[in-house]
Amino acid sequence: MNMPFYVSPEQVMKDRADYARKGIARGRSLVALECAAGVLIVADNGSRTLSKISEIYDRVAFAAVGKYNEFQMLRVAGVRHADLKGYSYSREDVSAKELANAYAQTLGQVFTHEMKPYEVELLVAEVGHADDDHAEMYHLFYDGVVIDERRFAVLGGMTEQITEALEAEYTDGMALGDALKLGAKVLGTDGQSLAADQLEVALLDRSRPRRAFRRIKNAELEGLLG
């Protein structure tokens, strides 16, 4: 009788984590910054049609890096979850914290019990209204770990380098244009900022009365960068 091949649980978890990190590192990074206007999300993404940043609900946004088909599946699940809860109870009951907890459970379950983990990192952000400086950003990792970020968040494979640059240059209450220029700068390489056609940008605008999410593109994006 052949003995089954044994691998320790610690080694299995380590191999899955290494696999997920390598997959995420192959993608391009993304940053989110609190600014005077709300929460600005800037992604290194030259595609005109494949988005890393999306609206989930009235004042909640979703952003992700990693394997496109996997984070799109999670995005759609989040939209359905938010719509169902908002319809069944109240629109005010839908929150970034609650969505982040749901995503954390899904990612943790897949990481622990499935053969292959999701190769994704997620950001769920929420902004308050014009008379409220309240903003929340939840950074979720491939294994279900959640971090409550403050001031800024960095997702992707170059987190240490980008975080160091943001810590040196970020200031609280930045104007929208300054925050966008900083995002384009830290996502660039060799000291060169990314151009408008290399960026995907969206803002959770706290001045908007209900649906805070809006995309910044074309002439507005070029003007803010220029």
C-alpha atoms as a PDB file:
ATOM      1  CA  MET A   1       0.000   0.000   0.000  1.00  0.00           C
ATOM      2  CA  ASN A   2       1.415   3.377  -1.021  1.00  0.00           C
ATOM      3  CA  MET A   3       1.603   6.052   1.660  1.00  0.00           C
ATOM      4  CA  PRO A   4      -0.039   9.361   0.682  1.00  0.00           C
ATOM      5  CA  PHE A   5       2.322  12.264   0.054  1.00  0.00           C
ATOM      6  CA  TYR A   6       2.304  14.619   3.056  1.00  0.00           C
ATOM      7  CA  VAL A   7       2.686  18.385   2.970  1.00  0.00           C
ATOM      8  CA  SER A   8       2.391  20.381   6.189  1.00  0.00           C
ATOM      9  CA  PRO A   9      -0.455  22.906   6.437  1.00  0.00           C
ATOM     10  CA  GLU A  10       2.121  25.677   6.979  1.00  0.00           C
ATOM     11  CA  GLN A  11       3.820  24.833   3.686  1.00  0.00           C
ATOM     12  CA  VAL A  12       0.513  24.682   1.816  1.00  0.00           C
ATOM     13  CA  MET A  13      -0.462  28.145   3.061  1.00  0.00           C
ATOM     14  CA  LYS A  14       2.978  29.534   2.238  1.00  0.00           C
ATOM     15  CA  ASP A  15       2.867  28.133  -1.296  1.00  0.00           C
ATOM     16  CA  ARG A  16      -0.596  29.596  -1.890  1.00  0.00           C
ATOM     17  CA  ALA A  17       0.470  32.996  -0.566  1.00  0.00           C
ATOM     18  CA  ASP A  18       3.615  32.998  -2.743  1.00  0.00           C
ATOM     19  CA  TYR A  19       1.551  32.036  -5.777  1.00  0.00           C
ATOM     20  CA  ALA A  20      -0.980  34.825  -5.191  1.00  0.00           C
ATOM     21  CA  ARG A  21       1.699  37.465  -4.535  1.00  0.00           C
ATOM     22  CA  LYS A  22       3.560  36.587  -7.732  1.00  0.00           C
ATOM     23  CA  GLY A  23       0.370  36.867  -9.776  1.00  0.00           C
ATOM     24  CA  ILE A  24      -0.503  40.255  -8.267  1.00  0.00           C
ATOM     25  CA  ALA A  25       3.058  41.565  -8.734  1.00  0.00           C
ATOM     26  CA  ARG A  26       2.836  40.986 -12.492  1.00  0.00           C
ATOM     27  CA  GLY A  27       0.071  43.585 -12.715  1.00  0.00           C
ATOM     28  CA  ARG A  28       0.239  47.365 -12.558  1.00  0.00           C
ATOM     29  CA  SER A  29      -0.237  49.286  -9.334  1.00  0.00           C
ATOM     30  CA  LEU A  30      -3.013  51.553  -8.100  1.00  0.00           C
ATOM     31  CA  VAL A  31      -3.231  54.278  -5.448  1.00  0.00           C
ATOM     32  CA  ALA A  32      -6.101  55.943  -3.587  1.00  0.00           C
ATOM     33  CA  LEU A  33      -5.658  59.284  -1.850  1.00  0.00           C
ATOM     34  CA  GLU A  34      -7.883  61.304   0.429  1.00  0.00           C
ATOM     35  CA  CYS A  35      -8.077  64.896  -0.828  1.00  0.00           C
ATOM     36  CA  ALA A  36     -10.182  67.985  -0.284  1.00  0.00           C
ATOM     37  CA  ALA A  37     -12.720  66.837  -2.895  1.00  0.00           C
ATOM     38  CA  GLY A  38     -13.124  63.306  -1.513  1.00  0.00           C
ATOM     39  CA  VAL A  39     -11.283  60.072  -2.333  1.00  0.00           C
ATOM     40  CA  LEU A  40      -9.249  60.038  -5.559  1.00  0.00           C
ATOM     41  CA  ILE A  41      -8.348  56.668  -7.118  1.00  0.00           C
ATOM     42  CA  VAL A  42      -5.569  56.576  -9.714  1.00  0.00           C
ATOM     43  CA  ALA A  43      -4.629  53.387 -11.588  1.00  0.00           C
ATOM     44  CA  ASP A  44      -1.873  52.577 -14.043  1.00  0.00           C
ATOM     45  CA  ASN A  45      -4.133  51.344 -16.828  1.00  0.00           C
ATOM     46  CA  GLY A  46      -3.732  52.167 -20.500  1.00  0.00           C
ATOM     47  CA  SER A  47      -6.849  50.259 -21.590  1.00  0.00           C
ATOM     48  CA  ARG A  48      -9.832  52.267 -22.818  1.00  0.00           C
ATOM     49  CA  THR A  49     -12.377  49.544 -22.032  1.00  0.00           C
ATOM     50  CA  LEU A  50     -11.075  47.278 -19.222  1.00  0.00           C
ATOM     51  CA  SER A  51     -11.567  49.071 -15.909  1.00  0.00           C
ATOM     52  CA  LYS A  52      -9.867  48.547 -12.566  1.00  0.00           C
ATOM     53  CA  ILE A  53     -12.064  51.158 -10.843  1.00  0.00           C
ATOM     54  CA  SER A  54     -15.854  50.978 -10.621  1.00  0.00           C
ATOM     55  CA  GLU A  55     -18.883  52.234  -8.743  1.00  0.00           C
ATOM     56  CA  ILE A  56     -20.460  49.793  -6.310  1.00  0.00           C
ATOM     57  CA  TYR A  57     -23.222  51.925  -4.800  1.00  0.00           C
ATOM     58  CA  ASP A  58     -24.192  55.540  -4.137  1.00  0.00           C
ATOM     59  CA  ARG A  59     -21.068  56.618  -2.255  1.00  0.00           C
ATOM     60  CA  VAL A  60     -18.997  53.430  -2.446  1.00  0.00           C
ATOM     61  CA  ALA A  61     -16.287  52.604  -4.999  1.00  0.00           C
ATOM     62  CA  PHE A  62     -14.390  49.437  -5.839  1.00  0.00           C
ATOM     63  CA  ALA A  63     -10.849  49.183  -7.202  1.00  0.00           C
ATOM     64  CA  ALA A  64      -8.615  46.179  -7.775  1.00  0.00           C
ATOM     65  CA  VAL A  65      -5.341  44.889  -9.149  1.00  0.00           C
ATOM     66  CA  GLY A  66      -4.404  41.395 -10.202  1.00  0.00           C
ATOM     67  CA  LYS A  67      -6.219  38.893 -12.375  1.00  0.00           C
ATOM     68  CA  TYR A  68      -8.926  40.696 -14.302  1.00  0.00           C
ATOM     69  CA  ASN A  69     -11.547  37.955 -14.557  1.00  0.00           C
ATOM     70  CA  GLU A  70     -11.323  37.206 -10.829  1.00  0.00           C
ATOM     71  CA  PHE A  71     -11.731  40.750  -9.567  1.00  0.00           C
ATOM     72  CA  GLN A  72     -14.499  41.442 -12.070  1.00  0.00           C
ATOM     73  CA  MET A  73     -16.405  38.470 -10.681  1.00  0.00           C
ATOM     74  CA  LEU A  74     -15.979  39.910  -7.183  1.00  0.00           C
ATOM     75  CA  ARG A  75     -17.073  43.365  -8.374  1.00  0.00           C
ATOM     76  CA  VAL A  76     -20.294  42.011  -9.867  1.00  0.00           C
ATOM     77  CA  ALA A  77     -21.007  40.055  -6.671  1.00  0.00           C
ATOM     78  CA  GLY A  78     -20.493  43.239  -4.653  1.00  0.00           C
ATOM     79  CA  VAL A  79     -22.890  45.238  -6.825  1.00  0.00           C
ATOM     80  CA  ARG A  80     -25.566  42.558  -6.462  1.00  0.00           C
ATOM     81  CA  HIS A  81     -25.017  42.342  -2.707  1.00  0.00           C
ATOM     82  CA  ALA A  82     -25.292  46.127  -2.311  1.00  0.00           C
ATOM     83  CA  ASP A  83     -28.369  46.404  -4.542  1.00  0.00           C
ATOM     84  CA  LEU A  84     -30.165  43.637  -2.667  1.00  0.00           C
ATOM     85  CA  LYS A  85     -29.413  45.111   0.752  1.00  0.00           C
ATOM     86  CA  GLY A  86     -30.318  48.645  -0.318  1.00  0.00           C
ATOM     87  CA  TYR A  87     -33.592  47.439  -1.801  1.00  0.00           C
ATOM     88  CA  SER A  88     -34.499  45.164   1.119  1.00  0.00           C
ATOM     89  CA  TYR A  89     -33.674  47.645   3.877  1.00  0.00           C
ATOM     90  CA  SER A  90     -32.443  51.171   3.155  1.00  0.00           C
ATOM     91  CA  ARG A  91     -29.857  52.746   0.884  1.00  0.00           C
ATOM     92  CA  GLU A  92     -28.100  54.111   3.989  1.00  0.00           C
ATOM     93  CA  ASP A  93     -27.545  50.545   5.220  1.00  0.00           C
ATOM     94  CA  VAL A  94     -25.080  49.846   2.389  1.00  0.00           C
ATOM     95  CA  SER A  95     -21.573  50.690   3.605  1.00  0.00           C
ATOM     96  CA  ALA A  96     -17.973  50.106   2.580  1.00  0.00           C
ATOM     97  CA  LYS A  97     -17.268  48.355   5.886  1.00  0.00           C
ATOM     98  CA  GLU A  98     -20.043  45.836   5.380  1.00  0.00           C
ATOM     99  CA  LEU A  99     -18.973  45.158   1.780  1.00  0.00           C
ATOM    100  CA  ALA A 100     -15.335  44.774   2.855  1.00  0.00           C
ATOM    101  CA  ASN A 101     -16.374  42.188   5.454  1.00  0.00           C
ATOM    102  CA  ALA A 102     -18.275  40.235   2.794  1.00  0.00           C
ATOM    103  CA  TYR A 103     -15.295  40.312   0.430  1.00  0.00           C
ATOM    104  CA  ALA A 104     -12.945  39.260   3.253  1.00  0.00           C
ATOM    105  CA  GLN A 105     -15.068  36.189   3.985  1.00  0.00           C
ATOM    106  CA  THR A 106     -15.087  35.165   0.319  1.00  0.00           C
ATOM    107  CA  LEU A 107     -11.333  35.672  -0.172  1.00  0.00           C
ATOM    108  CA  GLY A 108     -10.501  33.894   3.083  1.00  0.00           C
ATOM    109  CA  GLN A 109     -12.726  30.943   2.218  1.00  0.00           C
ATOM    110  CA  VAL A 110     -11.174  30.544  -1.231  1.00  0.00           C
ATOM    111  CA  PHE A 111      -7.627  30.913   0.106  1.00  0.00           C
ATOM    112  CA  THR A 112      -8.157  28.281   2.816  1.00  0.00           C
ATOM    113  CA  HIS A 113     -10.240  25.683   1.022  1.00  0.00           C
ATOM    114  CA  GLU A 114      -9.596  25.942  -2.719  1.00  0.00           C
ATOM    115  CA  MET A 115      -6.560  24.675  -4.598  1.00  0.00           C
ATOM    116  CA  LYS A 116      -5.788  28.074  -6.170  1.00  0.00           C
ATOM    117  CA  PRO A 117      -6.276  31.397  -4.332  1.00  0.00           C
ATOM    118  CA  TYR A 118      -7.567  34.506  -6.029  1.00  0.00           C
ATOM    119  CA  GLU A 119      -4.710  36.592  -7.440  1.00  0.00           C
ATOM    120  CA  VAL A 120      -6.257  39.922  -6.447  1.00  0.00           C
ATOM    121  CA  GLU A 121      -6.022  42.858  -4.081  1.00  0.00           C
ATOM    122  CA  LEU A 122      -9.139  44.949  -3.551  1.00  0.00           C
ATOM    123  CA  LEU A 123      -9.976  48.415  -2.300  1.00  0.00           C
ATOM    124  CA  VAL A 124     -13.443  49.379  -1.074  1.00  0.00           C
ATOM    125  CA  ALA A 125     -13.806  53.116  -0.395  1.00  0.00           C
ATOM    126  CA  GLU A 126     -16.660  55.277   0.871  1.00  0.00           C
ATOM    127  CA  VAL A 127     -17.004  59.039   1.167  1.00  0.00           C
ATOM    128  CA  GLY A 128     -19.324  61.163   3.302  1.00  0.00           C
ATOM    129  CA  HIS A 129     -21.372  64.173   2.247  1.00  0.00           C
ATOM    130  CA  ALA A 130     -20.241  67.753   1.659  1.00  0.00           C
ATOM    131  CA  ASP A 131     -20.634  68.766   5.306  1.00  0.00           C
ATOM    132  CA  ASP A 132     -18.717  65.683   6.486  1.00  0.00           C
ATOM    133  CA  ASP A 133     -15.030  64.927   5.973  1.00  0.00           C
ATOM    134  CA  HIS A 134     -15.701  61.258   6.680  1.00  0.00           C
ATOM    135  CA  ALA A 135     -13.960  58.822   4.324  1.00  0.00           C
ATOM    136  CA  GLU A 136     -13.190  55.114   4.658  1.00  0.00           C
ATOM    137  CA  MET A 137     -10.779  52.936   2.692  1.00  0.00           C
ATOM    138  CA  TYR A 138     -10.520  49.179   3.215  1.00  0.00           C
ATOM    139  CA  HIS A 139      -7.608  47.325   1.619  1.00  0.00           C
ATOM    140  CA  LEU A 140      -8.247  43.590   1.155  1.00  0.00           C
ATOM    141  CA  PHE A 141      -5.597  40.999   0.402  1.00  0.00           C
ATOM    142  CA  TYR A 142      -5.803  37.659  -1.420  1.00  0.00           C
ATOM    143  CA  ASP A 143      -6.132  35.738   1.889  1.00  0.00           C
ATOM    144  CA  GLY A 144      -9.008  37.800   3.305  1.00  0.00           C
ATOM    145  CA  VAL A 145      -6.912  40.106   5.511  1.00  0.00           C
ATOM    146  CA  VAL A 146      -8.428  43.602   5.764  1.00  0.00           C
ATOM    147  CA  ILE A 147      -6.567  46.826   6.560  1.00  0.00           C
ATOM    148  CA  ASP A 148      -8.390  50.046   7.404  1.00  0.00           C
ATOM    149  CA  GLU A 149      -6.272  52.561   5.497  1.00  0.00           C
ATOM    150  CA  ARG A 150      -5.843  56.215   6.408  1.00  0.00           C
ATOM    151  CA  ARG A 151      -4.836  59.103   4.100  1.00  0.00           C
ATOM    152  CA  PHE A 152      -3.784  56.843   1.218  1.00  0.00           C
ATOM    153  CA  ALA A 153      -3.707  53.219   0.079  1.00  0.00           C
ATOM    154  CA  VAL A 154      -1.415  51.403  -2.353  1.00  0.00           C
ATOM    155  CA  LEU A 155      -2.298  48.183  -4.191  1.00  0.00           C
ATOM    156  CA  GLY A 156      -0.146  46.055  -6.473  1.00  0.00           C
ATOM    157  CA  GLY A 157       3.386  44.803  -6.804  1.00  0.00           C
ATOM    158  CA  MET A 158       5.393  47.978  -6.080  1.00  0.00           C
ATOM    159  CA  THR A 159       3.779  48.870  -2.759  1.00  0.00           C
ATOM    160  CA  GLU A 160       6.946  49.551  -0.745  1.00  0.00           C
ATOM    161  CA  GLN A 161       8.445  51.948  -3.285  1.00  0.00           C
ATOM    162  CA  ILE A 162       5.168  53.804  -3.877  1.00  0.00           C
ATOM    163  CA  THR A 163       4.327  53.985  -0.161  1.00  0.00           C
ATOM    164  CA  GLU A 164       7.711  55.537   0.608  1.00  0.00           C
ATOM    165  CA  ALA A 165       7.165  58.166  -2.086  1.00  0.00           C
ATOM    166  CA  LEU A 166       3.679  58.996  -0.787  1.00  0.00           C
ATOM    167  CA  GLU A 167       4.858  59.246   2.816  1.00  0.00           C
ATOM    168  CA  ALA A 168       7.448  61.789   1.689  1.00  0.00           C
ATOM    169  CA  GLU A 169       5.165  63.962  -0.451  1.00  0.00           C
ATOM    170  CA  TYR A 170       1.539  63.474   0.589  1.00  0.00           C
ATOM    171  CA  THR A 171      -0.126  66.187   2.688  1.00  0.00           C
ATOM    172  CA  ASP A 172      -3.591  66.192   4.235  1.00  0.00           C
ATOM    173  CA  GLY A 173      -6.307  68.143   2.457  1.00  0.00           C
ATOM    174  CA  MET A 174      -4.566  68.251  -0.924  1.00  0.00           C
ATOM    175  CA  ALA A 175      -6.351  69.893  -3.832  1.00  0.00           C
ATOM    176  CA  LEU A 176      -7.698  67.528  -6.480  1.00  0.00           C
ATOM    177  CA  GLY A 177      -5.133  68.534  -9.112  1.00  0.00           C
ATOM    178  CA  ASP A 178      -2.208  68.187  -6.702  1.00  0.00           C
ATOM    179  CA  ALA A 179      -3.396  64.754  -5.561  1.00  0.00           C
ATOM    180  CA  LEU A 180      -3.765  63.591  -9.166  1.00  0.00           C
ATOM    181  CA  LYS A 181      -0.291  64.803 -10.106  1.00  0.00           C
ATOM    182  CA  LEU A 182       1.158  63.026  -7.078  1.00  0.00           C
ATOM    183  CA  GLY A 183      -0.634  59.810  -8.015  1.00  0.00           C
ATOM    184  CA  ALA A 184       0.653  59.968 -11.591  1.00  0.00           C
ATOM    185  CA  LYS A 185       4.160  60.670 -10.304  1.00  0.00           C
ATOM    186  CA  VAL A 186       4.405  57.785  -7.804  1.00  0.00           C
ATOM    187  CA  LEU A 187       2.967  55.307 -10.334  1.00  0.00           C
ATOM    188  CA  GLY A 188       5.564  56.307 -12.919  1.00  0.00           C
ATOM    189  CA  THR A 189       9.059  54.882 -13.326  1.00  0.00           C
ATOM    190  CA  ASP A 190      12.506  56.494 -13.452  1.00  0.00           C
ATOM    191  CA  GLY A 191      11.109  59.741 -12.094  1.00  0.00           C
ATOM    192  CA  GLN A 192       8.673  60.164 -15.015  1.00  0.00           C
ATOM    193  CA  SER A 193       4.985  60.714 -14.272  1.00  0.00           C
ATOM    194  CA  LEU A 194       2.425  58.679 -16.177  1.00  0.00           C
ATOM    195  CA  ALA A 195       0.611  60.515 -18.971  1.00  0.00           C
ATOM    196  CA  ALA A 196      -3.162  60.923 -19.213  1.00  0.00           C
ATOM    197  CA  ASP A 197      -3.513  58.064 -21.723  1.00  0.00           C
ATOM    198  CA  GLN A 198      -1.796  55.697 -19.273  1.00  0.00           C
ATOM    199  CA  LEU A 199      -4.137  56.445 -16.379  1.00  0.00           C
ATOM    200  CA  GLU A 200      -7.584  55.434 -15.210  1.00  0.00           C
ATOM    201  CA  VAL A 201      -8.886  57.957 -12.687  1.00  0.00           C
ATOM    202  CA  ALA A 202     -12.082  58.234 -10.645  1.00  0.00           C
ATOM    203  CA  LEU A 203     -13.221  60.412  -7.765  1.00  0.00           C
ATOM    204  CA  LEU A 204     -15.653  59.811  -4.929  1.00  0.00           C
ATOM    205  CA  ASP A 205     -16.817  63.418  -4.859  1.00  0.00           C
ATOM    206  CA  ARG A 206     -18.251  64.331  -1.468  1.00  0.00           C
ATOM    207  CA  SER A 207     -19.942  67.449  -2.905  1.00  0.00           C
ATOM    208  CA  ARG A 208     -22.343  65.387  -5.027  1.00  0.00           C
ATOM    209  CA  PRO A 209     -25.701  64.873  -3.279  1.00  0.00           C
ATOM    210  CA  ARG A 210     -26.237  61.156  -3.899  1.00  0.00           C
ATOM    211  CA  ARG A 211     -24.049  59.272  -6.355  1.00  0.00           C
ATOM    212  CA  ALA A 212     -20.546  60.387  -5.468  1.00  0.00           C
ATOM    213  CA  PHE A 213     -18.628  58.318  -8.047  1.00  0.00           C
ATOM    214  CA  ARG A 214     -17.483  59.972 -11.239  1.00  0.00           C
ATOM    215  CA  ARG A 215     -14.718  59.283 -13.724  1.00  0.00           C
ATOM    216  CA  ILE A 216     -12.108  61.875 -14.606  1.00  0.00           C
ATOM    217  CA  LYS A 217     -10.988  61.550 -18.212  1.00  0.00           C
ATOM    218  CA  ASN A 218     -10.262  63.245 -21.522  1.00  0.00           C
ATOM    219  CA  ALA A 219      -9.978  67.047 -21.340  1.00  0.00           C
ATOM    220  CA  GLU A 220     -10.608  67.237 -17.577  1.00  0.00           C
ATOM    221  CA  LEU A 221      -7.858  64.704 -16.865  1.00  0.00           C
ATOM    222  CA  GLU A 222      -5.376  66.420 -19.153  1.00  0.00           C
ATOM    223  CA  GLY A 223      -6.208  69.787 -17.633  1.00  0.00           C
ATOM    224  CA  LEU A 224      -5.662  68.584 -14.068  1.00  0.00           C
ATOM    225  CA  LEU A 225      -2.378  66.961 -15.021  1.00  0.00           C
ATOM    226  CA  GLY A 226      -1.193  69.887 -17.091  1.00  0.00           C
END
